[in-house]
Every structure is written in structure tokens, then in C-alpha cells.
Amino acid sequence: VVADVLRTRTDFVRSDVADLVNESVARW
């Protein structure tokens, strides 16, 4: 779903979720 939508929405890019979470969540 994300890939399909971003094909036409070049105004958004994927970013790393690990930058938002603590170490315990980052394992996932």
C-alpha cells in the first residue's frame, strides 16, 4: 500500500522508524 501510494506522491519519503523509538522497540 505504501509503495503504491508513494509512486505518485513524490512529496513524501519513507523514514526510519528506529529514530522515533527506544531500544526495546527498535529491536522490532
All heavy atoms as atom14 arrays in JSON, in Angstrom:
{
  "sequence": "VVADVLRTRTDFVRSDVADLVNESVARW",
  "atom14_mask": [
    [1, 1, 1, 1, 1, 1, 1, 0, 0, 0, 0, 0, 0, 0],
    [1, 1, 1, 1, 1, 1, 1, 0, 0, 0, 0, 0, 0, 0],
    [1, 1, 1, 1, 1, 0, 0, 0, 0, 0, 0, 0, 0, 0],
    [1, 1, 1, 1, 1, 1, 1, 1, 0, 0, 0, 0, 0, 0],
    [1, 1, 1, 1, 1, 1, 1, 0, 0, 0, 0, 0, 0, 0],
    [1, 1, 1, 1, 1, 1, 1, 1, 0, 0, 0, 0, 0, 0],
    [1, 1, 1, 1, 1, 1, 1, 1, 1, 1, 1, 0, 0, 0],
    [1, 1, 1, 1, 1, 1, 1, 0, 0, 0, 0, 0, 0, 0],
    [1, 1, 1, 1, 1, 1, 1, 1, 1, 1, 1, 0, 0, 0],
    [1, 1, 1, 1, 1, 1, 1, 0, 0, 0, 0, 0, 0, 0],
    [1, 1, 1, 1, 1, 1, 1, 1, 0, 0, 0, 0, 0, 0],
    [1, 1, 1, 1, 1, 1, 1, 1, 1, 1, 1, 0, 0, 0],
    [1, 1, 1, 1, 1, 1, 1, 0, 0, 0, 0, 0, 0, 0],
    [1, 1, 1, 1, 1, 1, 1, 1, 1, 1, 1, 0, 0, 0],
    [1, 1, 1, 1, 1, 1, 0, 0, 0, 0, 0, 0, 0, 0],
    [1, 1, 1, 1, 1, 1, 1, 1, 0, 0, 0, 0, 0, 0],
    [1, 1, 1, 1, 1, 1, 1, 0, 0, 0, 0, 0, 0, 0],
    [1, 1, 1, 1, 1, 0, 0, 0, 0, 0, 0, 0, 0, 0],
    [1, 1, 1, 1, 1, 1, 1, 1, 0, 0, 0, 0, 0, 0],
    [1, 1, 1, 1, 1, 1, 1, 1, 0, 0, 0, 0, 0, 0],
    [1, 1, 1, 1, 1, 1, 1, 0, 0, 0, 0, 0, 0, 0],
    [1, 1, 1, 1, 1, 1, 1, 1, 0, 0, 0, 0, 0, 0],
    [1, 1, 1, 1, 1, 1, 1, 1, 1, 0, 0, 0, 0, 0],
    [1, 1, 1, 1, 1, 1, 0, 0, 0, 0, 0, 0, 0, 0],
    [1, 1, 1, 1, 1, 1, 1, 0, 0, 0, 0, 0, 0, 0],
    [1, 1, 1, 1, 1, 0, 0, 0, 0, 0, 0, 0, 0, 0],
    [1, 1, 1, 1, 1, 1, 1, 1, 1, 1, 1, 0, 0, 0],
    [1, 1, 1, 1, 1, 1, 1, 1, 1, 1, 1, 1, 1, 1]
  ],
  "atom14_positions": [
    [[0.84, -1.2, 0.0], [0.0, 0.0, 0.0], [0.87, 1.25, 0.0], [0.65, 2.19, -0.79], [-0.94, -0.01, 1.22], [-1.61, 1.36, 1.4], [-2.01, -1.09, 1.08], [0.0, 0.0, 0.0], [0.0, 0.0, 0.0], [0.0, 0.0, 0.0], [0.0, 0.0, 0.0], [0.0, 0.0, 0.0], [0.0, 0.0, 0.0], [0.0, 0.0, 0.0]],
    [[1.88, 1.28, 0.85], [2.77, 2.44, 0.92], [3.49, 2.63, -0.41], [3.57, 3.76, -0.94], [3.78, 2.27, 2.07], [4.87, 3.35, 2.0], [3.07, 2.32, 3.42], [0.0, 0.0, 0.0], [0.0, 0.0, 0.0], [0.0, 0.0, 0.0], [0.0, 0.0, 0.0], [0.0, 0.0, 0.0], [0.0, 0.0, 0.0], [0.0, 0.0, 0.0]],
    [[4.0, 1.56, -0.99], [4.72, 1.66, -2.27], [3.8, 2.17, -3.36], [4.18, 3.02, -4.18], [5.31, 0.3, -2.64], [0.0, 0.0, 0.0], [0.0, 0.0, 0.0], [0.0, 0.0, 0.0], [0.0, 0.0, 0.0], [0.0, 0.0, 0.0], [0.0, 0.0, 0.0], [0.0, 0.0, 0.0], [0.0, 0.0, 0.0], [0.0, 0.0, 0.0]],
    [[2.56, 1.67, -3.41], [1.61, 2.1, -4.44], [1.34, 3.6, -4.34], [1.31, 4.31, -5.34], [0.29, 1.33, -4.29], [0.39, -0.1, -4.8], [1.4, -0.43, -5.45], [-0.55, -0.88, -4.55], [0.0, 0.0, 0.0], [0.0, 0.0, 0.0], [0.0, 0.0, 0.0], [0.0, 0.0, 0.0], [0.0, 0.0, 0.0], [0.0, 0.0, 0.0]],
    [[1.11, 4.09, -3.11], [0.76, 5.5, -2.94], [1.97, 6.4, -3.22], [1.84, 7.45, -3.87], [0.21, 5.74, -1.52], [0.01, 7.23, -1.26], [-1.12, 5.0, -1.34], [0.0, 0.0, 0.0], [0.0, 0.0, 0.0], [0.0, 0.0, 0.0], [0.0, 0.0, 0.0], [0.0, 0.0, 0.0], [0.0, 0.0, 0.0], [0.0, 0.0, 0.0]],
    [[3.15, 5.99, -2.78], [4.33, 6.84, -2.98], [4.79, 6.91, -4.43], [5.57, 7.79, -4.77], [5.48, 6.35, -2.1], [5.32, 6.56, -0.59], [6.61, 6.22, 0.14], [4.87, 7.98, -0.26], [0.0, 0.0, 0.0], [0.0, 0.0, 0.0], [0.0, 0.0, 0.0], [0.0, 0.0, 0.0], [0.0, 0.0, 0.0], [0.0, 0.0, 0.0]],
    [[4.31, 6.02, -5.28], [4.66, 6.11, -6.71], [4.18, 7.43, -7.32], [4.78, 7.95, -8.25], [4.06, 4.93, -7.47], [4.8, 3.62, -7.27], [4.33, 2.55, -8.23], [4.97, 1.28, -7.91], [4.41, 0.32, -7.18], [3.17, 0.47, -6.74], [5.06, -0.78, -6.92], [0.0, 0.0, 0.0], [0.0, 0.0, 0.0], [0.0, 0.0, 0.0]],
    [[3.07, 7.94, -6.8], [2.52, 9.19, -7.34], [2.65, 10.35, -6.37], [2.23, 11.46, -6.69], [1.04, 9.01, -7.71], [0.31, 8.62, -6.55], [0.88, 7.95, -8.8], [0.0, 0.0, 0.0], [0.0, 0.0, 0.0], [0.0, 0.0, 0.0], [0.0, 0.0, 0.0], [0.0, 0.0, 0.0], [0.0, 0.0, 0.0], [0.0, 0.0, 0.0]],
    [[3.23, 10.1, -5.19], [3.35, 11.15, -4.18], [4.83, 11.35, -3.86], [5.32, 10.94, -2.81], [2.56, 10.79, -2.93], [1.05, 10.78, -3.13], [0.51, 12.15, -3.52], [0.77, 13.17, -2.52], [-0.14, 13.57, -1.63], [-1.34, 13.04, -1.62], [0.17, 14.53, -0.77], [0.0, 0.0, 0.0], [0.0, 0.0, 0.0], [0.0, 0.0, 0.0]],
    [[5.52, 11.99, -4.77], [6.95, 12.21, -4.58], [7.23, 13.29, -3.55], [8.4, 13.55, -3.22], [7.6, 12.61, -5.92], [6.92, 13.77, -6.44], [7.5, 11.47, -6.92], [0.0, 0.0, 0.0], [0.0, 0.0, 0.0], [0.0, 0.0, 0.0], [0.0, 0.0, 0.0], [0.0, 0.0, 0.0], [0.0, 0.0, 0.0], [0.0, 0.0, 0.0]],
    [[6.17, 13.91, -3.0], [6.36, 14.9, -1.95], [6.59, 14.26, -0.59], [6.85, 14.97, 0.39], [5.17, 15.87, -1.89], [3.83, 15.17, -1.82], [3.72, 14.01, -2.29], [2.86, 15.78, -1.31], [0.0, 0.0, 0.0], [0.0, 0.0, 0.0], [0.0, 0.0, 0.0], [0.0, 0.0, 0.0], [0.0, 0.0, 0.0], [0.0, 0.0, 0.0]],
    [[6.5, 12.93, -0.51], [6.76, 12.22, 0.74], [7.79, 11.12, 0.51], [7.84, 10.51, -0.57], [5.48, 11.6, 1.31], [4.64, 12.57, 2.09], [3.74, 13.41, 1.43], [4.75, 12.67, 3.47], [2.97, 14.32, 2.13], [3.98, 13.58, 4.17], [3.08, 14.41, 3.51], [0.0, 0.0, 0.0], [0.0, 0.0, 0.0], [0.0, 0.0, 0.0]],
    [[8.59, 10.85, 1.55], [9.58, 9.77, 1.51], [9.46, 8.95, 2.78], [8.99, 9.43, 3.82], [11.02, 10.32, 1.38], [11.2, 11.03, 0.05], [11.35, 11.24, 2.55], [0.0, 0.0, 0.0], [0.0, 0.0, 0.0], [0.0, 0.0, 0.0], [0.0, 0.0, 0.0], [0.0, 0.0, 0.0], [0.0, 0.0, 0.0], [0.0, 0.0, 0.0]],
    [[9.88, 7.7, 2.71], [9.92, 6.84, 3.89], [11.1, 7.23, 4.76], [12.19, 7.55, 4.28], [10.06, 5.38, 3.48], [8.77, 4.71, 3.11], [8.99, 3.28, 2.68], [9.98, 2.58, 3.51], [10.38, 1.33, 3.3], [9.9, 0.66, 2.28], [11.27, 0.78, 4.09], [0.0, 0.0, 0.0], [0.0, 0.0, 0.0], [0.0, 0.0, 0.0]],
    [[10.9, 7.2, 6.08], [11.97, 7.46, 7.03], [12.07, 6.29, 8.01], [11.17, 5.45, 8.09], [11.71, 8.76, 7.79], [11.81, 9.87, 6.92], [0.0, 0.0, 0.0], [0.0, 0.0, 0.0], [0.0, 0.0, 0.0], [0.0, 0.0, 0.0], [0.0, 0.0, 0.0], [0.0, 0.0, 0.0], [0.0, 0.0, 0.0], [0.0, 0.0, 0.0]],
    [[13.17, 6.28, 8.76], [13.47, 5.13, 9.63], [12.72, 5.25, 10.96], [12.98, 6.16, 11.75], [14.98, 5.07, 9.88], [15.41, 3.8, 10.59], [14.52, 3.01, 11.0], [16.62, 3.6, 10.74], [0.0, 0.0, 0.0], [0.0, 0.0, 0.0], [0.0, 0.0, 0.0], [0.0, 0.0, 0.0], [0.0, 0.0, 0.0], [0.0, 0.0, 0.0]],
    [[11.8, 4.32, 11.2], [11.02, 4.31, 12.44], [11.93, 4.18, 13.66], [11.6, 4.67, 14.75], [9.98, 3.17, 12.4], [9.27, 3.02, 13.75], [8.95, 3.42, 11.3], [0.0, 0.0, 0.0], [0.0, 0.0, 0.0], [0.0, 0.0, 0.0], [0.0, 0.0, 0.0], [0.0, 0.0, 0.0], [0.0, 0.0, 0.0], [0.0, 0.0, 0.0]],
    [[13.1, 3.56, 13.49], [14.01, 3.38, 14.63], [14.41, 4.71, 15.26], [14.77, 4.77, 16.44], [15.25, 2.61, 14.18], [0.0, 0.0, 0.0], [0.0, 0.0, 0.0], [0.0, 0.0, 0.0], [0.0, 0.0, 0.0], [0.0, 0.0, 0.0], [0.0, 0.0, 0.0], [0.0, 0.0, 0.0], [0.0, 0.0, 0.0], [0.0, 0.0, 0.0]],
    [[14.36, 5.8, 14.49], [14.73, 7.11, 15.02], [13.7, 7.64, 16.01], [13.98, 8.64, 16.7], [14.88, 8.12, 13.87], [16.07, 7.81, 12.98], [16.97, 7.06, 13.41], [16.09, 8.32, 11.84], [0.0, 0.0, 0.0], [0.0, 0.0, 0.0], [0.0, 0.0, 0.0], [0.0, 0.0, 0.0], [0.0, 0.0, 0.0], [0.0, 0.0, 0.0]],
    [[12.53, 7.01, 16.11], [11.45, 7.52, 16.95], [11.25, 6.73, 18.24], [10.43, 7.13, 19.07], [10.13, 7.49, 16.17], [10.09, 8.2, 14.81], [8.72, 7.99, 14.16], [10.4, 9.67, 14.96], [0.0, 0.0, 0.0], [0.0, 0.0, 0.0], [0.0, 0.0, 0.0], [0.0, 0.0, 0.0], [0.0, 0.0, 0.0], [0.0, 0.0, 0.0]],
    [[11.98, 5.63, 18.41], [11.61, 4.68, 19.47], [12.8, 4.39, 20.39], [13.96, 4.69, 20.07], [11.1, 3.36, 18.86], [9.84, 3.6, 18.05], [12.17, 2.69, 18.0], [0.0, 0.0, 0.0], [0.0, 0.0, 0.0], [0.0, 0.0, 0.0], [0.0, 0.0, 0.0], [0.0, 0.0, 0.0], [0.0, 0.0, 0.0], [0.0, 0.0, 0.0]],
    [[12.5, 3.76, 21.53], [13.55, 3.35, 22.46], [14.19, 2.05, 21.98], [13.76, 1.44, 20.99], [12.99, 3.19, 23.88], [11.87, 2.15, 23.96], [11.91, 1.1, 23.33], [10.85, 2.46, 24.76], [0.0, 0.0, 0.0], [0.0, 0.0, 0.0], [0.0, 0.0, 0.0], [0.0, 0.0, 0.0], [0.0, 0.0, 0.0], [0.0, 0.0, 0.0]],
    [[15.23, 1.62, 22.65], [15.99, 0.45, 22.21], [15.14, -0.82, 22.2], [15.32, -1.68, 21.33], [17.21, 0.25, 23.11], [18.3, 1.31, 22.93], [19.53, 1.03, 23.77], [19.56, -0.04, 24.44], [20.46, 1.85, 23.76], [0.0, 0.0, 0.0], [0.0, 0.0, 0.0], [0.0, 0.0, 0.0], [0.0, 0.0, 0.0], [0.0, 0.0, 0.0]],
    [[14.24, -0.94, 23.15], [13.41, -2.15, 23.21], [12.5, -2.28, 21.99], [12.31, -3.38, 21.46], [12.57, -2.15, 24.49], [13.39, -2.2, 25.64], [0.0, 0.0, 0.0], [0.0, 0.0, 0.0], [0.0, 0.0, 0.0], [0.0, 0.0, 0.0], [0.0, 0.0, 0.0], [0.0, 0.0, 0.0], [0.0, 0.0, 0.0], [0.0, 0.0, 0.0]],
    [[11.95, -1.16, 21.55], [11.09, -1.18, 20.36], [11.95, -1.29, 19.1], [11.56, -1.96, 18.13], [10.2, 0.07, 20.31], [9.34, 0.07, 19.04], [9.3, 0.14, 21.54], [0.0, 0.0, 0.0], [0.0, 0.0, 0.0], [0.0, 0.0, 0.0], [0.0, 0.0, 0.0], [0.0, 0.0, 0.0], [0.0, 0.0, 0.0], [0.0, 0.0, 0.0]],
    [[13.11, -0.66, 19.1], [13.97, -0.65, 17.91], [14.38, -2.06, 17.48], [14.67, -2.29, 16.31], [15.22, 0.19, 18.18], [0.0, 0.0, 0.0], [0.0, 0.0, 0.0], [0.0, 0.0, 0.0], [0.0, 0.0, 0.0], [0.0, 0.0, 0.0], [0.0, 0.0, 0.0], [0.0, 0.0, 0.0], [0.0, 0.0, 0.0], [0.0, 0.0, 0.0]],
    [[14.35, -3.02, 18.39], [14.65, -4.42, 18.05], [13.68, -4.96, 17.0], [14.0, -5.93, 16.3], [14.56, -5.31, 19.3], [15.63, -5.08, 20.33], [15.39, -5.99, 21.54], [15.12, -7.35, 21.14], [14.11, -8.08, 21.6], [13.23, -7.56, 22.44], [13.93, -9.33, 21.19], [0.0, 0.0, 0.0], [0.0, 0.0, 0.0], [0.0, 0.0, 0.0]],
    [[12.52, -4.33, 16.93], [11.47, -4.82, 16.03], [11.39, -4.02, 14.74], [10.45, -4.19, 13.96], [10.12, -4.81, 16.75], [10.15, -5.65, 18.0], [10.41, -5.23, 19.27], [9.99, -7.07, 18.09], [10.41, -6.28, 20.14], [10.16, -7.43, 19.44], [9.72, -8.07, 17.16], [10.06, -8.74, 19.89], [9.61, -9.38, 17.6], [9.78, -9.71, 18.94]]
  ]
}
